[in-house]
Amino acid sequence: MQSILCFGDSNTWGLNPRDNSRFDDQTRWTGLLDDLLRPFGKRVIEEGLCGRTTQFHDWYRKNRCGLDAFPLLLESHSPLAGVVIMLGTNDCKTCFHASAEQIAEGVRQLVRQAKHAGVPEILVVSPIVLGHGVAQFDGEFNEACTPGVPARSRTGCPALPAPAKIRGLLSGTADWLRNRCR
């Protein structure tokens, strides 16, 4: 059976925003994707971590830098038929003061790491839309301190593809992975 690594943050981990619990396997997008791919001889490996960034070190939450963790995961799960990278949302936190271009560069570096590890197929999913009021849910995304954060995240990262609805994402991702990861 071939393996597809899904590398991301709390959205990949399956964080339930209502109570900070974890959604079950059949609710998380990675579990749904796994169900779609198993009949085709592919399994999904979930590597989501709450607070993970593409390239930034969070001094309050250690070991969240994707560039540090990714090479280890690529090696430990090798060989891989493909990788799905879904990161960039936490890079919008006020403390990082990151531009859309900086966030996109972090994603580009992750793609380079996957290519260097010999991963044949790489799919990048744009960061989610944060929208107004995000600071009420998570104070680390403070609209008042960094006015550019909501603007950057309203349409996802402009240097990456626009965000997709979850059903379209899963269907399109499953089709792409089925056809490309052979």
N, C-alpha and C. Protein backbone atom coordinates (compact mmCIF):
# COMPACT_ATOMS: atom_id res chain seq x y z
N MET A 1 0.84 -1.18 0.00
CA MET A 1 0.00 0.00 0.00
C MET A 1 0.89 1.25 0.00
N GLN A 2 0.57 2.20 -0.85
CA GLN A 2 1.33 3.45 -0.93
C GLN A 2 0.85 4.43 0.14
N SER A 3 1.77 5.30 0.57
CA SER A 3 1.45 6.25 1.63
C SER A 3 1.47 7.68 1.10
N ILE A 4 0.49 8.46 1.58
CA ILE A 4 0.37 9.88 1.30
C ILE A 4 0.48 10.59 2.65
N LEU A 5 1.47 11.46 2.81
CA LEU A 5 1.67 12.19 4.05
C LEU A 5 0.93 13.52 3.98
N CYS A 6 0.06 13.78 4.96
CA CYS A 6 -0.62 15.07 5.08
C CYS A 6 0.05 15.83 6.21
N PHE A 7 0.72 16.91 5.86
CA PHE A 7 1.52 17.69 6.80
C PHE A 7 0.86 19.04 7.01
N GLY A 8 0.47 19.31 8.26
CA GLY A 8 -0.24 20.56 8.51
C GLY A 8 -0.29 20.97 9.96
N ASP A 9 -1.29 21.79 10.25
CA ASP A 9 -1.46 22.37 11.57
C ASP A 9 -2.71 21.79 12.24
N SER A 10 -3.40 22.61 13.03
CA SER A 10 -4.58 22.14 13.75
C SER A 10 -5.69 21.70 12.80
N ASN A 11 -5.74 22.27 11.60
CA ASN A 11 -6.75 21.86 10.63
C ASN A 11 -6.50 20.43 10.15
N THR A 12 -5.26 20.04 10.06
CA THR A 12 -4.89 18.67 9.69
C THR A 12 -5.01 17.75 10.91
N TRP A 13 -4.67 18.26 12.08
CA TRP A 13 -4.80 17.49 13.32
C TRP A 13 -6.26 17.17 13.60
N GLY A 14 -7.16 18.07 13.23
CA GLY A 14 -8.59 17.85 13.44
C GLY A 14 -9.16 18.57 14.63
N LEU A 15 -8.68 19.78 14.90
CA LEU A 15 -9.14 20.54 16.05
C LEU A 15 -10.61 20.93 15.91
N ASN A 16 -11.37 20.63 16.96
CA ASN A 16 -12.76 21.04 17.03
C ASN A 16 -12.79 22.40 17.72
N PRO A 17 -13.13 23.48 17.00
CA PRO A 17 -13.05 24.82 17.58
C PRO A 17 -14.06 25.08 18.70
N ARG A 18 -15.07 24.23 18.81
CA ARG A 18 -16.08 24.44 19.87
C ARG A 18 -15.52 24.18 21.26
N ASP A 19 -14.69 23.12 21.37
CA ASP A 19 -14.21 22.75 22.71
C ASP A 19 -12.73 22.36 22.73
N ASN A 20 -12.02 22.60 21.63
CA ASN A 20 -10.60 22.27 21.49
C ASN A 20 -10.29 20.78 21.58
N SER A 21 -11.31 19.96 21.42
CA SER A 21 -11.07 18.51 21.36
C SER A 21 -10.65 18.15 19.93
N ARG A 22 -10.42 16.88 19.70
CA ARG A 22 -10.04 16.42 18.37
C ARG A 22 -11.22 15.68 17.74
N PHE A 23 -11.55 16.05 16.51
CA PHE A 23 -12.59 15.34 15.79
C PHE A 23 -12.18 13.87 15.63
N ASP A 24 -13.14 12.99 15.50
CA ASP A 24 -12.82 11.57 15.30
C ASP A 24 -12.34 11.33 13.88
N ASP A 25 -11.84 10.11 13.63
CA ASP A 25 -11.26 9.77 12.32
C ASP A 25 -12.22 10.00 11.16
N GLN A 26 -13.50 9.78 11.39
CA GLN A 26 -14.47 9.88 10.31
C GLN A 26 -14.98 11.30 10.08
N THR A 27 -14.51 12.24 10.90
CA THR A 27 -14.88 13.64 10.74
C THR A 27 -13.72 14.46 10.20
N ARG A 28 -12.49 14.11 10.59
CA ARG A 28 -11.31 14.85 10.11
C ARG A 28 -11.16 14.69 8.60
N TRP A 29 -10.71 15.76 7.94
CA TRP A 29 -10.58 15.70 6.48
C TRP A 29 -9.58 14.63 6.06
N THR A 30 -8.56 14.41 6.89
CA THR A 30 -7.57 13.38 6.56
C THR A 30 -8.18 11.99 6.64
N GLY A 31 -9.08 11.77 7.58
CA GLY A 31 -9.76 10.48 7.67
C GLY A 31 -10.70 10.25 6.50
N LEU A 32 -11.40 11.30 6.10
CA LEU A 32 -12.29 11.20 4.94
C LEU A 32 -11.48 10.93 3.66
N LEU A 33 -10.35 11.62 3.54
CA LEU A 33 -9.48 11.40 2.39
C LEU A 33 -8.95 9.96 2.39
N ASP A 34 -8.57 9.47 3.54
CA ASP A 34 -8.09 8.09 3.66
C ASP A 34 -9.16 7.11 3.19
N ASP A 35 -10.41 7.34 3.58
CA ASP A 35 -11.51 6.47 3.15
C ASP A 35 -11.67 6.48 1.63
N LEU A 36 -11.46 7.66 1.01
CA LEU A 36 -11.59 7.76 -0.44
C LEU A 36 -10.44 7.07 -1.17
N LEU A 37 -9.26 7.02 -0.55
CA LEU A 37 -8.08 6.49 -1.24
C LEU A 37 -7.80 5.02 -0.95
N ARG A 38 -8.25 4.48 0.18
CA ARG A 38 -7.96 3.08 0.53
C ARG A 38 -8.35 2.10 -0.57
N PRO A 39 -9.51 2.25 -1.19
CA PRO A 39 -9.86 1.29 -2.26
C PRO A 39 -8.87 1.29 -3.43
N PHE A 40 -8.05 2.32 -3.52
CA PHE A 40 -7.07 2.44 -4.60
C PHE A 40 -5.66 2.11 -4.14
N GLY A 41 -5.55 1.48 -2.95
CA GLY A 41 -4.25 1.04 -2.47
C GLY A 41 -3.38 2.14 -1.89
N LYS A 42 -4.02 3.20 -1.40
CA LYS A 42 -3.27 4.31 -0.81
C LYS A 42 -3.80 4.58 0.60
N ARG A 43 -2.87 4.91 1.50
CA ARG A 43 -3.28 5.25 2.86
C ARG A 43 -2.76 6.64 3.19
N VAL A 44 -3.50 7.33 4.05
CA VAL A 44 -3.14 8.69 4.46
C VAL A 44 -2.47 8.64 5.83
N ILE A 45 -1.34 9.30 5.93
CA ILE A 45 -0.64 9.45 7.21
C ILE A 45 -0.89 10.88 7.68
N GLU A 46 -1.51 11.02 8.85
CA GLU A 46 -1.80 12.34 9.41
C GLU A 46 -0.60 12.83 10.21
N GLU A 47 -0.11 14.00 9.86
CA GLU A 47 0.95 14.66 10.63
C GLU A 47 0.55 16.11 10.83
N GLY A 48 -0.50 16.30 11.63
CA GLY A 48 -0.97 17.64 11.96
C GLY A 48 -0.57 17.97 13.39
N LEU A 49 -0.23 19.23 13.63
CA LEU A 49 0.15 19.69 14.96
C LEU A 49 -0.40 21.10 15.15
N CYS A 50 -1.17 21.29 16.21
CA CYS A 50 -1.74 22.60 16.51
C CYS A 50 -0.63 23.64 16.67
N GLY A 51 -0.80 24.76 16.00
CA GLY A 51 0.17 25.84 16.10
C GLY A 51 1.34 25.75 15.16
N ARG A 52 1.42 24.71 14.34
CA ARG A 52 2.57 24.56 13.43
C ARG A 52 2.59 25.68 12.41
N THR A 53 3.77 26.20 12.13
CA THR A 53 3.98 27.23 11.12
C THR A 53 4.83 26.63 9.99
N THR A 54 4.94 27.37 8.90
CA THR A 54 5.81 26.90 7.83
C THR A 54 7.28 27.04 8.24
N GLN A 55 7.64 28.22 8.79
CA GLN A 55 9.05 28.51 9.01
C GLN A 55 9.37 29.25 10.30
N PHE A 56 8.36 29.62 11.05
CA PHE A 56 8.59 30.46 12.22
C PHE A 56 8.69 29.64 13.50
N HIS A 57 9.55 30.10 14.41
CA HIS A 57 9.68 29.48 15.73
C HIS A 57 8.80 30.24 16.71
N ASP A 58 7.89 29.54 17.33
CA ASP A 58 6.99 30.13 18.32
C ASP A 58 7.63 29.92 19.69
N TRP A 59 8.02 31.00 20.33
CA TRP A 59 8.76 30.88 21.58
C TRP A 59 7.88 30.45 22.74
N TYR A 60 6.56 30.49 22.56
CA TYR A 60 5.64 30.04 23.61
C TYR A 60 5.23 28.59 23.43
N ARG A 61 5.27 28.12 22.20
CA ARG A 61 4.90 26.73 21.89
C ARG A 61 6.05 26.14 21.09
N LYS A 62 6.87 25.38 21.74
CA LYS A 62 8.09 24.83 21.12
C LYS A 62 7.75 23.78 20.06
N ASN A 63 8.71 23.55 19.18
CA ASN A 63 8.66 22.49 18.16
C ASN A 63 7.50 22.65 17.18
N ARG A 64 7.21 23.89 16.80
CA ARG A 64 6.11 24.14 15.87
C ARG A 64 6.59 24.55 14.48
N CYS A 65 7.89 24.67 14.26
CA CYS A 65 8.42 25.11 12.97
C CYS A 65 8.41 23.95 11.97
N GLY A 66 7.60 24.11 10.92
CA GLY A 66 7.47 23.06 9.91
C GLY A 66 8.78 22.71 9.23
N LEU A 67 9.60 23.72 8.94
CA LEU A 67 10.88 23.45 8.26
C LEU A 67 11.79 22.55 9.09
N ASP A 68 11.68 22.62 10.41
CA ASP A 68 12.49 21.76 11.28
C ASP A 68 11.94 20.33 11.33
N ALA A 69 10.63 20.19 11.39
CA ALA A 69 10.00 18.87 11.57
C ALA A 69 9.86 18.07 10.28
N PHE A 70 9.62 18.76 9.17
CA PHE A 70 9.27 18.09 7.92
C PHE A 70 10.32 17.08 7.44
N PRO A 71 11.61 17.42 7.41
CA PRO A 71 12.59 16.44 6.92
C PRO A 71 12.59 15.14 7.74
N LEU A 72 12.40 15.25 9.04
CA LEU A 72 12.35 14.05 9.89
C LEU A 72 11.15 13.18 9.54
N LEU A 73 10.00 13.82 9.31
CA LEU A 73 8.80 13.08 8.98
C LEU A 73 8.89 12.46 7.59
N LEU A 74 9.47 13.20 6.65
CA LEU A 74 9.65 12.65 5.30
C LEU A 74 10.51 11.39 5.35
N GLU A 75 11.55 11.42 6.16
CA GLU A 75 12.43 10.27 6.28
C GLU A 75 11.76 9.11 7.02
N SER A 76 11.09 9.41 8.12
CA SER A 76 10.51 8.33 8.93
C SER A 76 9.35 7.64 8.23
N HIS A 77 8.65 8.35 7.33
CA HIS A 77 7.52 7.74 6.63
C HIS A 77 7.87 7.29 5.21
N SER A 78 9.13 7.40 4.85
CA SER A 78 9.59 7.03 3.51
C SER A 78 9.42 5.52 3.28
N PRO A 79 9.14 5.11 2.05
CA PRO A 79 8.90 5.90 0.85
C PRO A 79 7.47 6.44 0.81
N LEU A 80 7.32 7.59 0.22
CA LEU A 80 6.02 8.23 0.09
C LEU A 80 5.64 8.36 -1.38
N ALA A 81 4.37 8.11 -1.67
CA ALA A 81 3.86 8.30 -3.03
C ALA A 81 3.50 9.76 -3.26
N GLY A 82 3.21 10.49 -2.17
CA GLY A 82 2.85 11.89 -2.30
C GLY A 82 2.77 12.57 -0.95
N VAL A 83 2.72 13.89 -1.01
CA VAL A 83 2.62 14.72 0.19
C VAL A 83 1.57 15.80 -0.08
N VAL A 84 0.73 16.05 0.94
CA VAL A 84 -0.19 17.18 0.93
C VAL A 84 0.30 18.13 2.02
N ILE A 85 0.63 19.36 1.64
CA ILE A 85 1.09 20.38 2.59
C ILE A 85 -0.04 21.39 2.77
N MET A 86 -0.52 21.50 4.01
CA MET A 86 -1.60 22.42 4.32
C MET A 86 -1.17 23.26 5.52
N LEU A 87 -0.32 24.25 5.24
CA LEU A 87 0.23 25.11 6.29
C LEU A 87 0.20 26.57 5.85
N GLY A 88 0.34 27.46 6.82
CA GLY A 88 0.42 28.89 6.55
C GLY A 88 -0.52 29.70 7.41
N THR A 89 -1.55 29.08 7.95
CA THR A 89 -2.51 29.82 8.77
C THR A 89 -1.85 30.40 10.01
N ASN A 90 -1.07 29.61 10.73
CA ASN A 90 -0.43 30.11 11.96
C ASN A 90 0.66 31.12 11.67
N ASP A 91 1.15 31.15 10.45
CA ASP A 91 2.14 32.16 10.06
C ASP A 91 1.51 33.56 10.08
N CYS A 92 0.18 33.63 10.06
CA CYS A 92 -0.53 34.91 10.11
C CYS A 92 -0.64 35.47 11.52
N LYS A 93 -0.14 34.75 12.52
CA LYS A 93 -0.23 35.25 13.90
C LYS A 93 0.47 36.60 14.02
N THR A 94 -0.08 37.43 14.86
CA THR A 94 0.43 38.78 15.06
C THR A 94 1.92 38.80 15.38
N CYS A 95 2.37 37.88 16.21
CA CYS A 95 3.77 37.91 16.67
C CYS A 95 4.78 37.73 15.55
N PHE A 96 4.39 37.13 14.42
CA PHE A 96 5.34 36.88 13.34
C PHE A 96 5.43 38.03 12.34
N HIS A 97 4.41 38.89 12.29
CA HIS A 97 4.41 40.04 11.38
C HIS A 97 4.79 39.62 9.96
N ALA A 98 4.28 38.50 9.50
CA ALA A 98 4.66 37.95 8.20
C ALA A 98 3.77 38.48 7.08
N SER A 99 4.39 38.75 5.96
CA SER A 99 3.64 39.13 4.76
C SER A 99 3.19 37.86 4.03
N ALA A 100 2.27 38.02 3.11
CA ALA A 100 1.82 36.89 2.29
C ALA A 100 3.00 36.28 1.55
N GLU A 101 3.92 37.14 1.09
CA GLU A 101 5.09 36.65 0.36
C GLU A 101 6.00 35.82 1.26
N GLN A 102 6.16 36.23 2.51
CA GLN A 102 6.98 35.46 3.45
C GLN A 102 6.33 34.10 3.74
N ILE A 103 5.02 34.10 3.88
CA ILE A 103 4.32 32.84 4.14
C ILE A 103 4.47 31.90 2.93
N ALA A 104 4.28 32.46 1.74
CA ALA A 104 4.44 31.65 0.52
C ALA A 104 5.86 31.10 0.41
N GLU A 105 6.85 31.90 0.80
CA GLU A 105 8.24 31.42 0.75
C GLU A 105 8.44 30.26 1.71
N GLY A 106 7.81 30.30 2.87
CA GLY A 106 7.88 29.16 3.80
C GLY A 106 7.32 27.90 3.17
N VAL A 107 6.21 28.04 2.46
CA VAL A 107 5.62 26.89 1.78
C VAL A 107 6.55 26.40 0.67
N ARG A 108 7.14 27.32 -0.08
CA ARG A 108 8.08 26.94 -1.14
C ARG A 108 9.25 26.14 -0.57
N GLN A 109 9.75 26.55 0.59
CA GLN A 109 10.85 25.83 1.21
C GLN A 109 10.42 24.41 1.61
N LEU A 110 9.19 24.25 2.07
CA LEU A 110 8.69 22.91 2.40
C LEU A 110 8.60 22.05 1.14
N VAL A 111 8.14 22.65 0.05
CA VAL A 111 8.07 21.92 -1.22
C VAL A 111 9.47 21.49 -1.65
N ARG A 112 10.45 22.37 -1.50
CA ARG A 112 11.84 22.00 -1.84
C ARG A 112 12.32 20.84 -0.98
N GLN A 113 11.97 20.85 0.30
CA GLN A 113 12.37 19.75 1.17
C GLN A 113 11.75 18.42 0.70
N ALA A 114 10.49 18.46 0.31
CA ALA A 114 9.83 17.25 -0.17
C ALA A 114 10.47 16.75 -1.47
N LYS A 115 10.77 17.67 -2.37
CA LYS A 115 11.44 17.29 -3.62
C LYS A 115 12.82 16.69 -3.33
N HIS A 116 13.55 17.31 -2.43
CA HIS A 116 14.88 16.82 -2.06
C HIS A 116 14.81 15.41 -1.46
N ALA A 117 13.70 15.12 -0.78
CA ALA A 117 13.51 13.79 -0.18
C ALA A 117 13.03 12.77 -1.21
N GLY A 118 12.81 13.22 -2.44
CA GLY A 118 12.40 12.30 -3.50
C GLY A 118 10.91 12.02 -3.57
N VAL A 119 10.09 12.85 -2.94
CA VAL A 119 8.64 12.66 -3.01
C VAL A 119 8.19 13.00 -4.43
N PRO A 120 7.53 12.05 -5.12
CA PRO A 120 7.20 12.27 -6.52
C PRO A 120 6.04 13.23 -6.77
N GLU A 121 5.08 13.32 -5.84
CA GLU A 121 3.91 14.18 -6.05
C GLU A 121 3.68 15.03 -4.82
N ILE A 122 3.50 16.33 -5.03
CA ILE A 122 3.33 17.28 -3.92
C ILE A 122 2.12 18.16 -4.24
N LEU A 123 1.20 18.22 -3.29
CA LEU A 123 0.01 19.06 -3.43
C LEU A 123 0.03 20.08 -2.30
N VAL A 124 -0.09 21.36 -2.64
CA VAL A 124 -0.14 22.43 -1.64
C VAL A 124 -1.57 22.93 -1.55
N VAL A 125 -2.09 22.99 -0.33
CA VAL A 125 -3.43 23.52 -0.08
C VAL A 125 -3.25 24.87 0.60
N SER A 126 -3.88 25.88 0.07
CA SER A 126 -3.75 27.24 0.57
C SER A 126 -4.22 27.34 2.02
N PRO A 127 -3.61 28.26 2.79
CA PRO A 127 -4.11 28.51 4.15
C PRO A 127 -5.60 28.87 4.14
N ILE A 128 -6.27 28.53 5.23
CA ILE A 128 -7.70 28.80 5.33
C ILE A 128 -7.96 30.29 5.45
N VAL A 129 -9.19 30.69 5.18
CA VAL A 129 -9.61 32.06 5.35
C VAL A 129 -9.87 32.30 6.83
N LEU A 130 -9.21 33.32 7.39
CA LEU A 130 -9.41 33.63 8.81
C LEU A 130 -10.62 34.53 9.02
N GLY A 131 -10.73 35.59 8.28
CA GLY A 131 -11.88 36.49 8.39
C GLY A 131 -11.84 37.39 9.61
N HIS A 132 -12.83 38.25 9.69
CA HIS A 132 -12.93 39.18 10.82
C HIS A 132 -13.41 38.43 12.06
N GLY A 133 -12.99 38.91 13.21
CA GLY A 133 -13.40 38.31 14.46
C GLY A 133 -12.55 37.14 14.91
N VAL A 134 -11.49 36.84 14.17
CA VAL A 134 -10.66 35.70 14.52
C VAL A 134 -10.02 35.88 15.90
N ALA A 135 -9.77 37.13 16.28
CA ALA A 135 -9.15 37.40 17.58
C ALA A 135 -10.06 36.99 18.73
N GLN A 136 -11.36 36.94 18.51
CA GLN A 136 -12.29 36.48 19.55
C GLN A 136 -12.11 34.99 19.81
N PHE A 137 -11.75 34.25 18.77
CA PHE A 137 -11.52 32.81 18.90
C PHE A 137 -10.12 32.52 19.39
N ASP A 138 -9.15 33.25 18.87
CA ASP A 138 -7.76 33.02 19.20
C ASP A 138 -7.02 34.35 19.26
N GLY A 139 -6.66 34.76 20.45
CA GLY A 139 -6.02 36.05 20.66
C GLY A 139 -4.66 36.19 19.99
N GLU A 140 -4.08 35.09 19.53
CA GLU A 140 -2.78 35.19 18.84
C GLU A 140 -2.92 35.83 17.46
N PHE A 141 -4.16 35.88 16.96
CA PHE A 141 -4.45 36.54 15.69
C PHE A 141 -5.15 37.84 16.03
N ASN A 142 -4.39 38.90 16.31
CA ASN A 142 -4.94 40.14 16.81
C ASN A 142 -5.09 41.15 15.69
N GLU A 143 -6.33 41.38 15.27
CA GLU A 143 -6.62 42.30 14.16
C GLU A 143 -6.20 43.73 14.48
N ALA A 144 -6.34 44.15 15.73
CA ALA A 144 -6.01 45.53 16.09
C ALA A 144 -4.51 45.79 16.00
N CYS A 145 -3.70 44.84 16.38
CA CYS A 145 -2.24 45.03 16.38
C CYS A 145 -1.64 44.91 14.99
N THR A 146 -2.20 44.07 14.15
CA THR A 146 -1.66 43.86 12.81
C THR A 146 -2.81 43.90 11.80
N PRO A 147 -3.18 45.08 11.35
CA PRO A 147 -4.31 45.21 10.44
C PRO A 147 -4.17 44.38 9.18
N GLY A 148 -2.96 44.06 8.75
CA GLY A 148 -2.77 43.31 7.51
C GLY A 148 -3.12 41.84 7.62
N VAL A 149 -3.20 41.30 8.82
CA VAL A 149 -3.45 39.87 8.96
C VAL A 149 -4.78 39.45 8.37
N PRO A 150 -5.90 40.08 8.76
CA PRO A 150 -7.17 39.66 8.16
C PRO A 150 -7.19 39.86 6.64
N ALA A 151 -6.61 40.96 6.16
CA ALA A 151 -6.60 41.20 4.72
C ALA A 151 -5.84 40.11 3.99
N ARG A 152 -4.71 39.67 4.55
CA ARG A 152 -3.92 38.61 3.91
C ARG A 152 -4.69 37.31 3.86
N SER A 153 -5.49 37.05 4.89
CA SER A 153 -6.09 35.74 4.99
C SER A 153 -7.51 35.67 4.43
N ARG A 154 -8.08 36.80 4.00
CA ARG A 154 -9.44 36.76 3.48
C ARG A 154 -9.55 35.88 2.25
N THR A 155 -8.54 35.88 1.44
CA THR A 155 -8.57 35.05 0.22
C THR A 155 -7.49 33.99 0.26
N GLY A 156 -6.96 33.71 1.43
CA GLY A 156 -5.83 32.80 1.51
C GLY A 156 -4.57 33.56 1.13
N CYS A 157 -3.51 32.86 0.94
CA CYS A 157 -2.24 33.49 0.60
C CYS A 157 -2.24 33.76 -0.90
N PRO A 158 -2.13 35.04 -1.34
CA PRO A 158 -2.23 35.35 -2.76
C PRO A 158 -1.18 34.65 -3.62
N ALA A 159 -0.06 34.27 -3.05
CA ALA A 159 0.97 33.61 -3.84
C ALA A 159 0.71 32.11 -3.98
N LEU A 160 -0.38 31.63 -3.39
CA LEU A 160 -0.76 30.22 -3.47
C LEU A 160 -2.16 30.12 -4.05
N PRO A 161 -2.60 28.92 -4.44
CA PRO A 161 -3.96 28.78 -4.98
C PRO A 161 -5.01 29.24 -3.98
N ALA A 162 -6.14 29.72 -4.47
CA ALA A 162 -7.24 30.16 -3.60
C ALA A 162 -7.78 28.99 -2.78
N PRO A 163 -8.32 29.28 -1.58
CA PRO A 163 -8.87 28.21 -0.74
C PRO A 163 -10.04 27.52 -1.43
N ALA A 164 -10.22 26.25 -1.15
CA ALA A 164 -11.32 25.48 -1.74
C ALA A 164 -12.30 25.09 -0.66
N LYS A 165 -13.55 24.85 -1.04
CA LYS A 165 -14.51 24.31 -0.09
C LYS A 165 -14.10 22.89 0.22
N ILE A 166 -14.43 22.42 1.43
CA ILE A 166 -13.92 21.13 1.89
C ILE A 166 -14.35 19.97 1.00
N ARG A 167 -15.58 19.94 0.55
CA ARG A 167 -16.00 18.82 -0.31
C ARG A 167 -15.25 18.83 -1.64
N GLY A 168 -15.14 19.99 -2.23
CA GLY A 168 -14.39 20.10 -3.47
C GLY A 168 -12.92 19.76 -3.27
N LEU A 169 -12.39 20.20 -2.14
CA LEU A 169 -11.00 19.90 -1.82
C LEU A 169 -10.79 18.40 -1.72
N LEU A 170 -11.63 17.73 -0.94
CA LEU A 170 -11.45 16.29 -0.75
C LEU A 170 -11.65 15.52 -2.05
N SER A 171 -12.68 15.87 -2.79
CA SER A 171 -12.93 15.19 -4.05
C SER A 171 -11.79 15.43 -5.03
N GLY A 172 -11.40 16.69 -5.16
CA GLY A 172 -10.30 17.03 -6.07
C GLY A 172 -8.98 16.44 -5.62
N THR A 173 -8.74 16.47 -4.32
CA THR A 173 -7.50 15.91 -3.78
C THR A 173 -7.46 14.40 -4.01
N ALA A 174 -8.56 13.72 -3.73
CA ALA A 174 -8.61 12.27 -3.92
C ALA A 174 -8.39 11.92 -5.39
N ASP A 175 -9.06 12.64 -6.28
CA ASP A 175 -8.88 12.38 -7.72
C ASP A 175 -7.43 12.61 -8.13
N TRP A 176 -6.88 13.72 -7.69
CA TRP A 176 -5.50 14.06 -8.05
C TRP A 176 -4.54 13.00 -7.52
N LEU A 177 -4.69 12.61 -6.25
CA LEU A 177 -3.79 11.63 -5.67
C LEU A 177 -3.97 10.24 -6.31
N ARG A 178 -5.20 9.88 -6.61
CA ARG A 178 -5.44 8.58 -7.27
C ARG A 178 -4.74 8.54 -8.62
N ASN A 179 -4.85 9.62 -9.37
CA ASN A 179 -4.31 9.65 -10.73
C ASN A 179 -2.81 9.90 -10.79
N ARG A 180 -2.27 10.64 -9.82
CA ARG A 180 -0.86 11.02 -9.89
C ARG A 180 0.07 10.09 -9.11
N CYS A 181 -0.39 9.58 -7.99
CA CYS A 181 0.47 8.78 -7.11
C CYS A 181 0.29 7.31 -7.46
N ARG A 182 1.02 6.86 -8.43
CA ARG A 182 0.88 5.47 -8.90
C ARG A 182 2.09 4.66 -8.52
